[in-house]
Amino acid sequence: MTTPSASTVKTILETLRKRYPVVKTQLDHKSPFQLLIATILSAQCTDRQVNAVTRQLFARFPDPERLACAPLNEIKQIIYSTGFYNNKAKNIRACASAIIERHNSVVPEDLALLVQLPGVGRKTANVVLSAAFGHQAIVVDTHVLRISKRLGLTRNVDPVKVEFDLMKLIPKTSWSDLSLQLIYFGREICDAKRPRCNGCPLFDPCPAKGK
């Protein structure tokens, strides 16, 4: 697979921008801390289910201080439906404690510091940097991973390698929007098992069309 031309990349970006001109995270939150916790909970879970859970979670424990002191069993009961609730409960409480102890209760606006927090990888950190702080960042979730490969934007399957491949190809001013546009596109058209190639607006530049 060859690297796509600049004109192909431009076509992809313009097509996605036209179809999804306004994009934002679907995770409900009122602070960077709440977005961080919601994103940790979103692993292997839909945004809709996470939002249903965090309404109750943040009503009880809206900030690091209250979540860090929350009974673990109560957290588990609230977040049970998000899956992997044992590990997630431990991680979000430990994350709240770490933010208090290391950062004076303020979510750090720095990738290197964010990924040192319990339960936080590059994907979660980039969501927070982009949606909470307005930085340009590429979030590689399952949709972005799948569609980037189908469109020939990467040949890698490791999310970190895909992130860096996209950073080289895509103008920085488009990083955050592209991540969300690909997520929207994956949900609407480019399904994992049954992509709707007929009528796809990216049919022409897509090397995986019909496969």
N, C-alpha and C. Protein backbone atom coordinates (compact mmCIF):
# COMPACT_ATOMS: atom_id res chain seq x y z
N MET A 1 0.84 -1.20 0.00
CA MET A 1 0.00 0.00 0.00
C MET A 1 0.87 1.24 0.00
N THR A 2 0.62 2.14 -0.93
CA THR A 2 1.39 3.37 -1.03
C THR A 2 0.76 4.47 -0.17
N THR A 3 1.59 5.44 0.19
CA THR A 3 1.10 6.57 0.96
C THR A 3 0.17 7.41 0.08
N PRO A 4 -1.00 7.78 0.58
CA PRO A 4 -1.93 8.57 -0.24
C PRO A 4 -1.35 9.92 -0.60
N SER A 5 -1.71 10.41 -1.76
CA SER A 5 -1.22 11.72 -2.21
C SER A 5 -1.84 12.84 -1.39
N ALA A 6 -1.23 14.00 -1.48
CA ALA A 6 -1.76 15.17 -0.77
C ALA A 6 -3.16 15.50 -1.26
N SER A 7 -3.40 15.31 -2.55
CA SER A 7 -4.73 15.62 -3.09
C SER A 7 -5.78 14.64 -2.58
N THR A 8 -5.39 13.36 -2.40
CA THR A 8 -6.31 12.37 -1.84
C THR A 8 -6.66 12.70 -0.40
N VAL A 9 -5.65 13.05 0.37
CA VAL A 9 -5.87 13.43 1.76
C VAL A 9 -6.78 14.65 1.82
N LYS A 10 -6.53 15.63 0.95
CA LYS A 10 -7.37 16.83 0.92
C LYS A 10 -8.82 16.49 0.58
N THR A 11 -9.01 15.57 -0.35
CA THR A 11 -10.37 15.15 -0.72
C THR A 11 -11.08 14.50 0.46
N ILE A 12 -10.37 13.64 1.17
CA ILE A 12 -10.94 12.97 2.34
C ILE A 12 -11.35 13.99 3.39
N LEU A 13 -10.46 14.92 3.68
CA LEU A 13 -10.73 15.93 4.70
C LEU A 13 -11.92 16.81 4.31
N GLU A 14 -11.94 17.25 3.07
CA GLU A 14 -13.02 18.14 2.61
C GLU A 14 -14.36 17.41 2.60
N THR A 15 -14.35 16.14 2.22
CA THR A 15 -15.59 15.36 2.18
C THR A 15 -16.15 15.17 3.58
N LEU A 16 -15.29 14.83 4.51
CA LEU A 16 -15.73 14.62 5.89
C LEU A 16 -16.19 15.93 6.53
N ARG A 17 -15.48 17.01 6.21
CA ARG A 17 -15.84 18.31 6.77
C ARG A 17 -17.20 18.77 6.26
N LYS A 18 -17.46 18.49 4.99
CA LYS A 18 -18.75 18.87 4.41
C LYS A 18 -19.88 18.06 5.02
N ARG A 19 -19.63 16.77 5.26
CA ARG A 19 -20.69 15.92 5.80
C ARG A 19 -20.91 16.15 7.30
N TYR A 20 -19.83 16.45 8.01
CA TYR A 20 -19.92 16.66 9.46
C TYR A 20 -19.23 17.98 9.82
N PRO A 21 -19.88 19.09 9.53
CA PRO A 21 -19.24 20.40 9.75
C PRO A 21 -19.06 20.76 11.22
N VAL A 22 -19.93 20.26 12.06
CA VAL A 22 -19.84 20.55 13.50
C VAL A 22 -19.77 19.23 14.26
N VAL A 23 -18.67 19.02 14.94
CA VAL A 23 -18.48 17.77 15.68
C VAL A 23 -18.01 18.07 17.11
N LYS A 24 -18.44 17.23 18.02
CA LYS A 24 -17.99 17.36 19.41
C LYS A 24 -18.14 16.00 20.08
N THR A 25 -17.44 15.82 21.18
CA THR A 25 -17.54 14.57 21.92
C THR A 25 -18.98 14.33 22.37
N GLN A 26 -19.38 13.07 22.35
CA GLN A 26 -20.73 12.71 22.76
C GLN A 26 -20.81 12.37 24.25
N LEU A 27 -19.70 12.48 24.96
CA LEU A 27 -19.68 12.20 26.39
C LEU A 27 -20.09 13.44 27.18
N ASP A 28 -21.13 13.33 27.97
CA ASP A 28 -21.61 14.45 28.78
C ASP A 28 -20.62 14.75 29.90
N HIS A 29 -20.34 16.04 30.13
CA HIS A 29 -19.42 16.42 31.20
C HIS A 29 -19.56 17.91 31.48
N LYS A 30 -19.17 18.30 32.69
CA LYS A 30 -19.22 19.70 33.08
C LYS A 30 -17.84 20.23 33.47
N SER A 31 -16.83 19.39 33.36
CA SER A 31 -15.48 19.80 33.73
C SER A 31 -14.48 18.85 33.08
N PRO A 32 -13.21 19.25 32.97
CA PRO A 32 -12.19 18.33 32.45
C PRO A 32 -12.12 17.04 33.26
N PHE A 33 -12.30 17.14 34.57
CA PHE A 33 -12.26 15.95 35.41
C PHE A 33 -13.38 14.98 35.04
N GLN A 34 -14.58 15.50 34.87
CA GLN A 34 -15.70 14.63 34.51
C GLN A 34 -15.50 14.00 33.15
N LEU A 35 -14.94 14.75 32.20
CA LEU A 35 -14.66 14.18 30.88
C LEU A 35 -13.61 13.08 30.98
N LEU A 36 -12.61 13.30 31.80
CA LEU A 36 -11.56 12.29 32.00
C LEU A 36 -12.16 10.99 32.54
N ILE A 37 -12.98 11.09 33.56
CA ILE A 37 -13.59 9.91 34.16
C ILE A 37 -14.54 9.23 33.16
N ALA A 38 -15.33 10.01 32.46
CA ALA A 38 -16.26 9.45 31.48
C ALA A 38 -15.52 8.72 30.38
N THR A 39 -14.38 9.25 29.97
CA THR A 39 -13.60 8.61 28.91
C THR A 39 -12.99 7.30 29.38
N ILE A 40 -12.53 7.25 30.61
CA ILE A 40 -12.04 5.99 31.16
C ILE A 40 -13.16 4.95 31.15
N LEU A 41 -14.35 5.37 31.53
CA LEU A 41 -15.50 4.45 31.57
C LEU A 41 -15.94 4.02 30.17
N SER A 42 -15.60 4.79 29.15
CA SER A 42 -16.09 4.51 27.81
C SER A 42 -15.39 3.34 27.12
N ALA A 43 -14.32 2.81 27.72
CA ALA A 43 -13.63 1.68 27.12
C ALA A 43 -14.58 0.49 27.01
N GLN A 44 -14.73 -0.03 25.79
CA GLN A 44 -15.60 -1.19 25.53
C GLN A 44 -17.06 -0.91 25.93
N CYS A 45 -17.47 0.35 25.79
CA CYS A 45 -18.83 0.72 26.16
C CYS A 45 -19.30 1.87 25.29
N THR A 46 -20.58 1.94 25.02
CA THR A 46 -21.11 3.02 24.18
C THR A 46 -21.18 4.34 24.95
N ASP A 47 -21.07 5.44 24.22
CA ASP A 47 -21.19 6.76 24.85
C ASP A 47 -22.54 6.92 25.53
N ARG A 48 -23.59 6.39 24.90
CA ARG A 48 -24.93 6.52 25.46
C ARG A 48 -25.01 5.86 26.83
N GLN A 49 -24.42 4.67 26.95
CA GLN A 49 -24.46 3.97 28.24
C GLN A 49 -23.62 4.69 29.28
N VAL A 50 -22.46 5.20 28.84
CA VAL A 50 -21.61 5.95 29.78
C VAL A 50 -22.36 7.17 30.30
N ASN A 51 -23.05 7.88 29.42
CA ASN A 51 -23.79 9.08 29.85
C ASN A 51 -24.90 8.73 30.84
N ALA A 52 -25.53 7.59 30.63
CA ALA A 52 -26.57 7.16 31.57
C ALA A 52 -25.98 6.89 32.95
N VAL A 53 -24.77 6.34 32.97
CA VAL A 53 -24.09 6.00 34.23
C VAL A 53 -23.53 7.25 34.91
N THR A 54 -22.90 8.12 34.12
CA THR A 54 -22.24 9.28 34.75
C THR A 54 -23.24 10.29 35.30
N ARG A 55 -24.46 10.29 34.81
CA ARG A 55 -25.46 11.16 35.42
C ARG A 55 -25.59 10.86 36.91
N GLN A 56 -25.62 9.58 37.23
CA GLN A 56 -25.73 9.18 38.63
C GLN A 56 -24.39 9.32 39.35
N LEU A 57 -23.32 8.93 38.68
CA LEU A 57 -22.00 8.99 39.30
C LEU A 57 -21.61 10.42 39.68
N PHE A 58 -21.79 11.36 38.74
CA PHE A 58 -21.38 12.73 39.00
C PHE A 58 -22.36 13.48 39.90
N ALA A 59 -23.58 12.99 39.99
CA ALA A 59 -24.51 13.58 40.96
C ALA A 59 -24.02 13.28 42.38
N ARG A 60 -23.42 12.12 42.56
CA ARG A 60 -22.90 11.72 43.88
C ARG A 60 -21.47 12.20 44.10
N PHE A 61 -20.65 12.08 43.05
CA PHE A 61 -19.20 12.37 43.18
C PHE A 61 -18.73 13.23 42.01
N PRO A 62 -19.01 14.53 42.04
CA PRO A 62 -18.76 15.38 40.87
C PRO A 62 -17.32 15.86 40.70
N ASP A 63 -16.48 15.67 41.73
CA ASP A 63 -15.12 16.21 41.66
C ASP A 63 -14.11 15.22 42.24
N PRO A 64 -12.81 15.49 42.09
CA PRO A 64 -11.80 14.55 42.58
C PRO A 64 -11.91 14.24 44.06
N GLU A 65 -12.18 15.27 44.85
CA GLU A 65 -12.23 15.06 46.31
C GLU A 65 -13.30 14.06 46.70
N ARG A 66 -14.48 14.19 46.13
CA ARG A 66 -15.57 13.29 46.52
C ARG A 66 -15.42 11.90 45.90
N LEU A 67 -14.90 11.83 44.68
CA LEU A 67 -14.73 10.50 44.08
C LEU A 67 -13.59 9.74 44.76
N ALA A 68 -12.55 10.43 45.15
CA ALA A 68 -11.41 9.77 45.81
C ALA A 68 -11.81 9.14 47.14
N CYS A 69 -12.83 9.71 47.77
CA CYS A 69 -13.29 9.21 49.07
C CYS A 69 -14.50 8.29 48.97
N ALA A 70 -14.96 8.04 47.77
CA ALA A 70 -16.18 7.24 47.59
C ALA A 70 -15.92 5.77 47.92
N PRO A 71 -16.89 5.10 48.53
CA PRO A 71 -16.76 3.66 48.77
C PRO A 71 -16.66 2.91 47.45
N LEU A 72 -15.68 2.03 47.35
CA LEU A 72 -15.44 1.32 46.10
C LEU A 72 -16.66 0.52 45.65
N ASN A 73 -17.33 -0.10 46.58
CA ASN A 73 -18.51 -0.91 46.23
C ASN A 73 -19.63 -0.05 45.65
N GLU A 74 -19.76 1.17 46.15
CA GLU A 74 -20.79 2.06 45.61
C GLU A 74 -20.45 2.48 44.19
N ILE A 75 -19.18 2.76 43.94
CA ILE A 75 -18.76 3.10 42.59
C ILE A 75 -19.05 1.93 41.65
N LYS A 76 -18.71 0.72 42.09
CA LYS A 76 -18.94 -0.47 41.26
C LYS A 76 -20.42 -0.64 40.92
N GLN A 77 -21.27 -0.41 41.90
CA GLN A 77 -22.71 -0.56 41.66
C GLN A 77 -23.20 0.44 40.61
N ILE A 78 -22.67 1.66 40.68
CA ILE A 78 -23.13 2.70 39.75
C ILE A 78 -22.64 2.43 38.33
N ILE A 79 -21.38 1.99 38.19
CA ILE A 79 -20.78 1.86 36.85
C ILE A 79 -20.86 0.44 36.31
N TYR A 80 -21.56 -0.45 36.99
CA TYR A 80 -21.61 -1.87 36.63
C TYR A 80 -21.91 -2.09 35.15
N SER A 81 -22.86 -1.35 34.61
CA SER A 81 -23.34 -1.59 33.25
C SER A 81 -22.34 -1.16 32.17
N THR A 82 -21.23 -0.50 32.55
CA THR A 82 -20.24 -0.11 31.55
C THR A 82 -19.27 -1.24 31.22
N GLY A 83 -19.33 -2.33 31.99
CA GLY A 83 -18.41 -3.45 31.77
C GLY A 83 -17.07 -3.24 32.46
N PHE A 84 -16.41 -4.34 32.75
CA PHE A 84 -15.09 -4.28 33.41
C PHE A 84 -15.13 -3.37 34.64
N TYR A 85 -16.24 -3.44 35.36
CA TYR A 85 -16.50 -2.47 36.42
C TYR A 85 -15.53 -2.55 37.58
N ASN A 86 -14.97 -3.73 37.85
CA ASN A 86 -14.02 -3.85 38.96
C ASN A 86 -12.77 -3.00 38.69
N ASN A 87 -12.17 -3.20 37.53
CA ASN A 87 -10.97 -2.42 37.19
C ASN A 87 -11.28 -0.94 36.99
N LYS A 88 -12.40 -0.66 36.35
CA LYS A 88 -12.76 0.74 36.11
C LYS A 88 -13.00 1.48 37.43
N ALA A 89 -13.66 0.83 38.36
CA ALA A 89 -13.92 1.47 39.66
C ALA A 89 -12.62 1.79 40.38
N LYS A 90 -11.70 0.84 40.37
CA LYS A 90 -10.40 1.06 41.02
C LYS A 90 -9.64 2.17 40.31
N ASN A 91 -9.68 2.16 38.99
CA ASN A 91 -8.93 3.16 38.23
C ASN A 91 -9.47 4.57 38.42
N ILE A 92 -10.79 4.74 38.36
CA ILE A 92 -11.30 6.11 38.45
C ILE A 92 -11.12 6.68 39.85
N ARG A 93 -11.22 5.83 40.87
CA ARG A 93 -10.97 6.34 42.23
C ARG A 93 -9.49 6.66 42.42
N ALA A 94 -8.61 5.77 41.92
CA ALA A 94 -7.18 6.03 42.01
C ALA A 94 -6.78 7.25 41.19
N CYS A 95 -7.44 7.43 40.05
CA CYS A 95 -7.17 8.60 39.22
C CYS A 95 -7.53 9.88 39.95
N ALA A 96 -8.68 9.88 40.60
CA ALA A 96 -9.10 11.05 41.39
C ALA A 96 -8.09 11.36 42.49
N SER A 97 -7.62 10.33 43.17
CA SER A 97 -6.63 10.52 44.23
C SER A 97 -5.33 11.08 43.68
N ALA A 98 -4.90 10.56 42.54
CA ALA A 98 -3.65 11.02 41.94
C ALA A 98 -3.74 12.48 41.51
N ILE A 99 -4.90 12.89 41.00
CA ILE A 99 -5.07 14.28 40.59
C ILE A 99 -4.99 15.20 41.81
N ILE A 100 -5.55 14.76 42.91
CA ILE A 100 -5.47 15.55 44.16
C ILE A 100 -4.02 15.64 44.64
N GLU A 101 -3.36 14.50 44.71
CA GLU A 101 -2.02 14.43 45.30
C GLU A 101 -0.93 15.04 44.41
N ARG A 102 -1.05 14.82 43.10
CA ARG A 102 0.03 15.26 42.20
C ARG A 102 -0.22 16.62 41.57
N HIS A 103 -1.50 17.00 41.43
CA HIS A 103 -1.82 18.18 40.64
C HIS A 103 -2.78 19.14 41.33
N ASN A 104 -2.85 19.07 42.65
CA ASN A 104 -3.69 19.99 43.42
C ASN A 104 -5.13 20.03 42.94
N SER A 105 -5.65 18.85 42.61
CA SER A 105 -7.05 18.67 42.22
C SER A 105 -7.40 19.23 40.85
N VAL A 106 -6.38 19.57 40.06
CA VAL A 106 -6.61 20.12 38.72
C VAL A 106 -6.11 19.13 37.67
N VAL A 107 -6.95 18.78 36.73
CA VAL A 107 -6.54 17.86 35.66
C VAL A 107 -5.43 18.51 34.85
N PRO A 108 -4.28 17.85 34.70
CA PRO A 108 -3.17 18.47 33.98
C PRO A 108 -3.47 18.62 32.48
N GLU A 109 -2.99 19.71 31.93
CA GLU A 109 -3.20 20.01 30.51
C GLU A 109 -1.95 19.61 29.72
N ASP A 110 -1.53 18.35 29.94
CA ASP A 110 -0.27 17.88 29.38
C ASP A 110 -0.34 16.38 29.15
N LEU A 111 -0.02 15.94 27.96
CA LEU A 111 -0.13 14.53 27.60
C LEU A 111 0.73 13.64 28.48
N ALA A 112 1.98 14.03 28.69
CA ALA A 112 2.90 13.20 29.47
C ALA A 112 2.41 13.03 30.91
N LEU A 113 1.81 14.06 31.47
CA LEU A 113 1.28 13.97 32.84
C LEU A 113 -0.02 13.19 32.89
N LEU A 114 -0.85 13.36 31.88
CA LEU A 114 -2.13 12.66 31.86
C LEU A 114 -1.94 11.14 31.79
N VAL A 115 -1.02 10.69 30.95
CA VAL A 115 -0.86 9.23 30.78
C VAL A 115 -0.21 8.58 32.00
N GLN A 116 0.26 9.37 32.94
CA GLN A 116 0.79 8.81 34.19
C GLN A 116 -0.31 8.55 35.22
N LEU A 117 -1.52 9.03 34.93
CA LEU A 117 -2.64 8.83 35.84
C LEU A 117 -3.20 7.42 35.68
N PRO A 118 -3.70 6.80 36.76
CA PRO A 118 -4.27 5.45 36.66
C PRO A 118 -5.41 5.38 35.65
N GLY A 119 -5.36 4.38 34.78
CA GLY A 119 -6.43 4.15 33.83
C GLY A 119 -6.40 5.03 32.60
N VAL A 120 -5.36 5.85 32.46
CA VAL A 120 -5.31 6.82 31.36
C VAL A 120 -4.23 6.44 30.36
N GLY A 121 -4.64 6.15 29.12
CA GLY A 121 -3.72 5.93 28.02
C GLY A 121 -3.74 7.11 27.07
N ARG A 122 -3.06 6.98 25.94
CA ARG A 122 -2.98 8.10 24.99
C ARG A 122 -4.34 8.47 24.44
N LYS A 123 -5.18 7.48 24.18
CA LYS A 123 -6.51 7.78 23.64
C LYS A 123 -7.30 8.67 24.61
N THR A 124 -7.36 8.25 25.87
CA THR A 124 -8.09 9.03 26.87
C THR A 124 -7.48 10.41 27.05
N ALA A 125 -6.16 10.45 27.12
CA ALA A 125 -5.48 11.74 27.29
C ALA A 125 -5.79 12.68 26.13
N ASN A 126 -5.78 12.16 24.92
CA ASN A 126 -6.05 13.00 23.75
C ASN A 126 -7.48 13.49 23.70
N VAL A 127 -8.42 12.66 24.17
CA VAL A 127 -9.82 13.12 24.26
C VAL A 127 -9.91 14.34 25.17
N VAL A 128 -9.27 14.25 26.32
CA VAL A 128 -9.31 15.35 27.29
C VAL A 128 -8.61 16.59 26.74
N LEU A 129 -7.44 16.41 26.16
CA LEU A 129 -6.70 17.55 25.62
C LEU A 129 -7.52 18.26 24.54
N SER A 130 -8.19 17.47 23.72
CA SER A 130 -8.97 18.04 22.61
C SER A 130 -10.28 18.65 23.08
N ALA A 131 -11.11 17.83 23.74
CA ALA A 131 -12.47 18.26 24.06
C ALA A 131 -12.55 19.18 25.28
N ALA A 132 -11.65 19.01 26.23
CA ALA A 132 -11.71 19.82 27.45
C ALA A 132 -10.83 21.07 27.37
N PHE A 133 -9.69 20.95 26.66
CA PHE A 133 -8.73 22.06 26.67
C PHE A 133 -8.53 22.72 25.30
N GLY A 134 -9.14 22.16 24.27
CA GLY A 134 -9.07 22.80 22.96
C GLY A 134 -7.78 22.60 22.19
N HIS A 135 -6.97 21.64 22.62
CA HIS A 135 -5.74 21.34 21.88
C HIS A 135 -6.07 20.46 20.67
N GLN A 136 -5.25 20.53 19.65
CA GLN A 136 -5.38 19.64 18.52
C GLN A 136 -4.77 18.29 18.89
N ALA A 137 -5.56 17.22 18.76
CA ALA A 137 -5.09 15.89 19.12
C ALA A 137 -5.85 14.86 18.30
N ILE A 138 -5.17 13.78 17.98
CA ILE A 138 -5.81 12.70 17.23
C ILE A 138 -6.16 11.58 18.19
N VAL A 139 -7.43 11.27 18.26
CA VAL A 139 -7.94 10.21 19.14
C VAL A 139 -8.16 8.96 18.29
N VAL A 140 -7.43 7.91 18.58
CA VAL A 140 -7.55 6.68 17.80
C VAL A 140 -8.41 5.67 18.56
N ASP A 141 -9.71 5.68 18.24
CA ASP A 141 -10.60 4.65 18.79
C ASP A 141 -10.79 3.57 17.72
N THR A 142 -11.71 2.65 17.94
CA THR A 142 -11.88 1.54 16.99
C THR A 142 -12.32 2.03 15.61
N HIS A 143 -13.17 3.08 15.57
CA HIS A 143 -13.61 3.62 14.29
C HIS A 143 -12.43 4.25 13.53
N VAL A 144 -11.67 5.09 14.22
CA VAL A 144 -10.54 5.77 13.59
C VAL A 144 -9.51 4.75 13.11
N LEU A 145 -9.27 3.74 13.93
CA LEU A 145 -8.31 2.69 13.58
C LEU A 145 -8.75 1.96 12.30
N ARG A 146 -10.00 1.55 12.27
CA ARG A 146 -10.53 0.78 11.15
C ARG A 146 -10.58 1.60 9.86
N ILE A 147 -11.13 2.80 9.95
CA ILE A 147 -11.35 3.60 8.74
C ILE A 147 -10.05 4.16 8.18
N SER A 148 -9.12 4.52 9.06
CA SER A 148 -7.82 5.01 8.59
C SER A 148 -7.12 3.95 7.75
N LYS A 149 -7.25 2.71 8.19
CA LYS A 149 -6.62 1.61 7.45
C LYS A 149 -7.36 1.38 6.12
N ARG A 150 -8.67 1.39 6.16
CA ARG A 150 -9.45 1.19 4.93
C ARG A 150 -9.17 2.28 3.90
N LEU A 151 -8.99 3.50 4.37
CA LEU A 151 -8.76 4.62 3.46
C LEU A 151 -7.31 4.71 3.00
N GLY A 152 -6.46 3.83 3.53
CA GLY A 152 -5.07 3.83 3.12
C GLY A 152 -4.23 4.89 3.81
N LEU A 153 -4.73 5.46 4.89
CA LEU A 153 -3.99 6.49 5.61
C LEU A 153 -2.92 5.89 6.51
N THR A 154 -3.00 4.59 6.77
CA THR A 154 -2.01 3.87 7.57
C THR A 154 -2.04 2.41 7.19
N ARG A 155 -0.96 1.72 7.46
CA ARG A 155 -0.94 0.28 7.28
C ARG A 155 -0.76 -0.42 8.64
N ASN A 156 -0.71 0.39 9.69
CA ASN A 156 -0.49 -0.14 11.03
C ASN A 156 -1.80 -0.50 11.72
N VAL A 157 -1.71 -1.35 12.74
CA VAL A 157 -2.88 -1.72 13.54
C VAL A 157 -2.70 -1.29 14.99
N ASP A 158 -1.49 -0.92 15.36
CA ASP A 158 -1.25 -0.42 16.72
C ASP A 158 -1.75 1.02 16.80
N PRO A 159 -2.64 1.33 17.77
CA PRO A 159 -3.23 2.67 17.84
C PRO A 159 -2.21 3.80 17.93
N VAL A 160 -1.12 3.60 18.65
CA VAL A 160 -0.12 4.66 18.77
C VAL A 160 0.57 4.91 17.43
N LYS A 161 0.89 3.84 16.71
CA LYS A 161 1.51 3.99 15.40
C LYS A 161 0.55 4.65 14.42
N VAL A 162 -0.72 4.29 14.51
CA VAL A 162 -1.73 4.91 13.65
C VAL A 162 -1.83 6.40 13.96
N GLU A 163 -1.82 6.74 15.23
CA GLU A 163 -1.87 8.15 15.63
C GLU A 163 -0.74 8.94 14.99
N PHE A 164 0.47 8.40 15.06
CA PHE A 164 1.62 9.11 14.50
C PHE A 164 1.59 9.14 12.97
N ASP A 165 1.07 8.08 12.36
CA ASP A 165 0.91 8.10 10.90
C ASP A 165 -0.03 9.23 10.48
N LEU A 166 -1.14 9.36 11.19
CA LEU A 166 -2.12 10.40 10.85
C LEU A 166 -1.56 11.79 11.12
N MET A 167 -0.77 11.92 12.17
CA MET A 167 -0.17 13.21 12.48
C MET A 167 0.76 13.69 11.36
N LYS A 168 1.39 12.73 10.68
CA LYS A 168 2.29 13.10 9.57
C LYS A 168 1.51 13.52 8.33
N LEU A 169 0.35 12.89 8.11
CA LEU A 169 -0.42 13.12 6.89
C LEU A 169 -1.40 14.29 6.98
N ILE A 170 -1.95 14.48 8.17
CA ILE A 170 -3.07 15.43 8.34
C ILE A 170 -2.56 16.76 8.90
N PRO A 171 -2.98 17.89 8.33
CA PRO A 171 -2.60 19.18 8.92
C PRO A 171 -3.06 19.26 10.38
N LYS A 172 -2.22 19.81 11.22
CA LYS A 172 -2.52 19.84 12.65
C LYS A 172 -3.84 20.52 12.97
N THR A 173 -4.21 21.50 12.18
CA THR A 173 -5.46 22.23 12.44
C THR A 173 -6.69 21.34 12.27
N SER A 174 -6.52 20.18 11.66
CA SER A 174 -7.65 19.28 11.42
C SER A 174 -7.64 18.04 12.31
N TRP A 175 -6.66 17.90 13.17
CA TRP A 175 -6.52 16.66 13.95
C TRP A 175 -7.77 16.33 14.76
N SER A 176 -8.20 17.25 15.59
CA SER A 176 -9.32 16.96 16.50
C SER A 176 -10.62 16.70 15.74
N ASP A 177 -10.90 17.56 14.76
CA ASP A 177 -12.13 17.37 13.98
C ASP A 177 -12.10 16.05 13.22
N LEU A 178 -10.96 15.70 12.63
CA LEU A 178 -10.88 14.47 11.86
C LEU A 178 -11.20 13.26 12.72
N SER A 179 -10.68 13.23 13.93
CA SER A 179 -10.94 12.10 14.82
C SER A 179 -12.44 11.92 15.02
N LEU A 180 -13.13 13.00 15.32
CA LEU A 180 -14.57 12.92 15.55
C LEU A 180 -15.34 12.65 14.26
N GLN A 181 -14.89 13.23 13.16
CA GLN A 181 -15.56 13.00 11.88
C GLN A 181 -15.47 11.52 11.48
N LEU A 182 -14.32 10.89 11.72
CA LEU A 182 -14.18 9.48 11.42
C LEU A 182 -15.05 8.62 12.32
N ILE A 183 -15.22 9.04 13.56
CA ILE A 183 -16.10 8.32 14.49
C ILE A 183 -17.55 8.42 14.00
N TYR A 184 -17.98 9.63 13.64
CA TYR A 184 -19.32 9.81 13.10
C TYR A 184 -19.51 8.98 11.83
N PHE A 185 -18.51 9.02 10.96
CA PHE A 185 -18.55 8.30 9.69
C PHE A 185 -18.61 6.79 9.92
N GLY A 186 -17.87 6.32 10.91
CA GLY A 186 -17.89 4.90 11.21
C GLY A 186 -19.23 4.43 11.73
N ARG A 187 -19.88 5.27 12.51
CA ARG A 187 -21.19 4.91 13.05
C ARG A 187 -22.27 4.97 11.97
N GLU A 188 -22.13 5.92 11.05
CA GLU A 188 -23.18 6.11 10.04
C GLU A 188 -23.00 5.22 8.81
N ILE A 189 -21.78 5.10 8.33
CA ILE A 189 -21.56 4.46 7.03
C ILE A 189 -20.55 3.31 7.06
N CYS A 190 -19.36 3.57 7.58
CA CYS A 190 -18.27 2.59 7.45
C CYS A 190 -18.25 1.63 8.64
N ASP A 191 -19.29 0.81 8.70
CA ASP A 191 -19.46 -0.17 9.78
C ASP A 191 -18.34 -1.22 9.71
N ALA A 192 -18.02 -1.79 10.86
CA ALA A 192 -16.93 -2.77 10.91
C ALA A 192 -17.24 -4.00 10.05
N LYS A 193 -18.46 -4.53 10.16
CA LYS A 193 -18.80 -5.76 9.46
C LYS A 193 -19.54 -5.54 8.15
N ARG A 194 -20.36 -4.50 8.10
CA ARG A 194 -21.16 -4.24 6.90
C ARG A 194 -21.07 -2.78 6.47
N PRO A 195 -19.93 -2.39 5.94
CA PRO A 195 -19.81 -1.00 5.47
C PRO A 195 -20.75 -0.72 4.31
N ARG A 196 -21.34 0.46 4.31
CA ARG A 196 -22.28 0.85 3.26
C ARG A 196 -21.51 1.49 2.10
N CYS A 197 -20.82 0.66 1.34
CA CYS A 197 -20.00 1.19 0.25
C CYS A 197 -20.85 1.86 -0.83
N ASN A 198 -22.02 1.31 -1.09
CA ASN A 198 -22.91 1.94 -2.06
C ASN A 198 -23.40 3.27 -1.51
N GLY A 199 -23.08 4.32 -2.23
CA GLY A 199 -23.49 5.65 -1.77
C GLY A 199 -22.52 6.29 -0.82
N CYS A 200 -21.40 5.64 -0.52
CA CYS A 200 -20.41 6.21 0.40
C CYS A 200 -19.76 7.43 -0.24
N PRO A 201 -19.68 8.56 0.46
CA PRO A 201 -19.09 9.77 -0.12
C PRO A 201 -17.58 9.65 -0.34
N LEU A 202 -16.97 8.63 0.29
CA LEU A 202 -15.53 8.42 0.12
C LEU A 202 -15.24 7.18 -0.73
N PHE A 203 -16.22 6.78 -1.52
CA PHE A 203 -16.05 5.58 -2.33
C PHE A 203 -14.87 5.70 -3.29
N ASP A 204 -14.76 6.82 -3.98
CA ASP A 204 -13.73 6.97 -5.01
C ASP A 204 -12.30 6.88 -4.46
N PRO A 205 -11.96 7.62 -3.39
CA PRO A 205 -10.57 7.56 -2.92
C PRO A 205 -10.28 6.34 -2.02
N CYS A 206 -11.27 5.50 -1.77
CA CYS A 206 -11.08 4.41 -0.81
C CYS A 206 -10.50 3.16 -1.49
N PRO A 207 -9.31 2.73 -1.13
CA PRO A 207 -8.72 1.54 -1.74
C PRO A 207 -9.38 0.24 -1.29
N ALA A 208 -10.18 0.30 -0.24
CA ALA A 208 -10.83 -0.92 0.28
C ALA A 208 -12.28 -1.05 -0.20
N LYS A 209 -12.72 -0.20 -1.09
CA LYS A 209 -14.12 -0.20 -1.52
C LYS A 209 -14.50 -1.55 -2.10
N GLY A 210 -15.65 -2.03 -1.66
CA GLY A 210 -16.19 -3.29 -2.16
C GLY A 210 -15.54 -4.52 -1.59
N LYS A 211 -14.53 -4.35 -0.71
CA LYS A 211 -13.84 -5.52 -0.16
C LYS A 211 -14.40 -5.86 1.21
